[in-house]
Amino acid sequence: MVSSKITTFRKSEDCPTSNELLEYQRGFLAERRDNEVGRHLARCEFCAAEIDLYSRYPQDDASEEGIESSRIPAALFQLAEALLKKKDNDPSSLDALARENGILLDKA
C-alpha cells in the first residue's frame, strides 16, 4: 500500500547550516560535531543532497580569499528557483538568498 503522507524535501530547524555541512564535507568539524552531522545525514535526504552538491560543485572560500564565487549551473539555478517559488510564492527568493550569501547566479 502506498502511503498518502507527503514528505517535504527541505531543511528543517534541526538541520545543520549550509556552512556547517560544507565544513563537514571538507573535514573541518570537531570530531563530536562531525559524528552528529554524520548521523543527521543518514536520516535527512535534503542535507545528504546538499553534501552531494558540494562534492559535485566544490565551493571556494571567495569571501576569505578575494576570489570570485563559483557560478551555479543554469539547470541548478532553474531547479532551485522553481522550488523556492513553489515554497514561498516569491519570484525573487533565489536572487535574494544568493545575494545574501555572495553567490553569483548564471541564469543563462
Protein backbone atom coordinates (compact mmCIF):
# COMPACT_ATOMS: atom_id res chain seq x y z
CA MET A 1 0.00 0.00 0.00
CA VAL A 2 1.28 3.45 -0.90
CA SER A 3 1.45 5.96 1.92
CA SER A 4 -0.67 9.06 1.49
CA LYS A 5 1.72 11.09 3.63
CA ILE A 6 3.58 13.65 1.54
CA THR A 7 7.10 14.38 2.69
CA THR A 8 8.72 17.75 2.19
CA PHE A 9 12.17 17.99 0.70
CA ARG A 10 13.62 20.96 2.58
CA LYS A 11 15.75 21.95 5.53
CA SER A 12 14.14 21.78 8.93
CA GLU A 13 15.06 23.57 12.14
CA ASP A 14 17.25 20.67 13.31
CA CYS A 15 19.33 20.59 10.10
CA PRO A 16 22.93 21.82 10.19
CA THR A 17 23.53 25.11 8.43
CA SER A 18 24.87 25.07 4.89
CA ASN A 19 28.21 26.39 6.18
CA GLU A 20 28.38 23.56 8.72
CA LEU A 21 27.60 20.99 6.02
CA LEU A 22 30.37 22.45 3.89
CA GLU A 23 32.77 22.22 6.84
CA TYR A 24 31.68 18.60 7.36
CA GLN A 25 32.28 17.81 3.69
CA ARG A 26 35.75 19.37 3.90
CA GLY A 27 36.58 17.54 7.17
CA PHE A 28 36.85 20.71 9.28
CA LEU A 29 34.36 19.88 12.06
CA ALA A 30 35.38 18.77 15.54
CA GLU A 31 35.03 15.00 15.97
CA ARG A 32 31.90 15.15 18.16
CA ARG A 33 30.04 17.51 15.81
CA ASP A 34 31.30 15.55 12.80
CA ASN A 35 29.66 12.43 14.24
CA GLU A 36 26.41 14.29 14.95
CA VAL A 37 26.24 15.67 11.41
CA GLY A 38 27.05 12.22 10.00
CA ARG A 39 24.11 10.72 11.90
CA HIS A 40 21.88 13.56 10.68
CA LEU A 41 22.90 12.91 7.07
CA ALA A 42 21.86 9.27 7.41
CA ARG A 43 18.25 10.35 8.02
CA CYS A 44 17.94 13.66 6.13
CA GLU A 45 17.71 13.40 2.35
CA PHE A 46 17.89 17.16 1.86
CA CYS A 47 21.17 17.60 3.73
CA ALA A 48 22.61 14.49 2.05
CA ALA A 49 21.72 16.05 -1.31
CA GLU A 50 23.39 19.31 -0.25
CA ILE A 51 26.60 17.41 0.62
CA ASP A 52 26.39 15.71 -2.78
CA LEU A 53 26.04 19.14 -4.41
CA TYR A 54 29.20 20.33 -2.66
CA SER A 55 31.02 17.22 -3.87
CA ARG A 56 29.93 17.80 -7.46
CA TYR A 57 30.42 21.58 -7.41
CA PRO A 58 33.25 22.38 -4.98
CA GLN A 59 32.83 25.66 -3.19
CA ASP A 60 35.69 28.10 -2.83
CA ASP A 61 36.38 30.47 0.02
CA ALA A 62 35.70 33.56 -2.08
CA SER A 63 34.83 35.80 0.84
CA GLU A 64 38.03 34.85 2.68
CA GLU A 65 40.45 34.84 -0.24
CA GLY A 66 39.03 37.55 -2.51
CA ILE A 67 38.30 35.00 -5.25
CA GLU A 68 35.21 35.31 -7.45
CA SER A 69 32.46 32.92 -6.35
CA SER A 70 31.71 29.82 -8.40
CA ARG A 71 28.75 30.19 -10.71
CA ILE A 72 25.76 27.94 -10.23
CA PRO A 73 24.95 25.98 -13.41
CA ALA A 74 21.83 27.25 -15.17
CA ALA A 75 19.90 23.98 -14.70
CA LEU A 76 20.57 24.00 -10.95
CA PHE A 77 19.52 27.65 -10.76
CA GLN A 78 16.23 26.85 -12.51
CA LEU A 79 15.52 23.93 -10.16
CA ALA A 80 16.29 25.95 -7.03
CA GLU A 81 14.26 28.89 -8.31
CA ALA A 82 11.26 26.64 -9.04
CA LEU A 83 11.45 25.06 -5.57
CA LEU A 84 11.69 28.42 -3.81
CA LYS A 85 8.88 29.94 -5.86
CA LYS A 86 6.66 26.99 -5.02
CA LYS A 87 7.52 27.20 -1.31
CA ASP A 88 7.39 30.96 -0.80
CA ASN A 89 5.40 32.22 -3.79
CA ASP A 90 8.18 34.78 -4.09
CA PRO A 91 9.83 35.09 -7.53
CA SER A 92 12.85 36.87 -6.05
CA SER A 93 13.60 34.29 -3.34
CA LEU A 94 16.62 32.72 -5.00
CA ASP A 95 18.10 36.05 -6.07
CA ALA A 96 17.75 37.44 -2.53
CA LEU A 97 19.22 34.29 -0.99
CA ALA A 98 22.14 34.32 -3.44
CA ARG A 99 22.90 37.99 -2.79
CA GLU A 100 22.87 37.40 0.98
CA ASN A 101 25.43 34.61 0.58
CA GLY A 102 27.61 36.22 -2.09
CA ILE A 103 26.71 33.63 -4.75
CA LEU A 104 26.82 34.56 -8.42
CA LEU A 105 23.96 33.09 -10.41
CA ASP A 106 24.35 32.05 -14.02
CA LYS A 107 20.83 32.42 -15.38
CA ALA A 108 21.80 31.69 -18.98
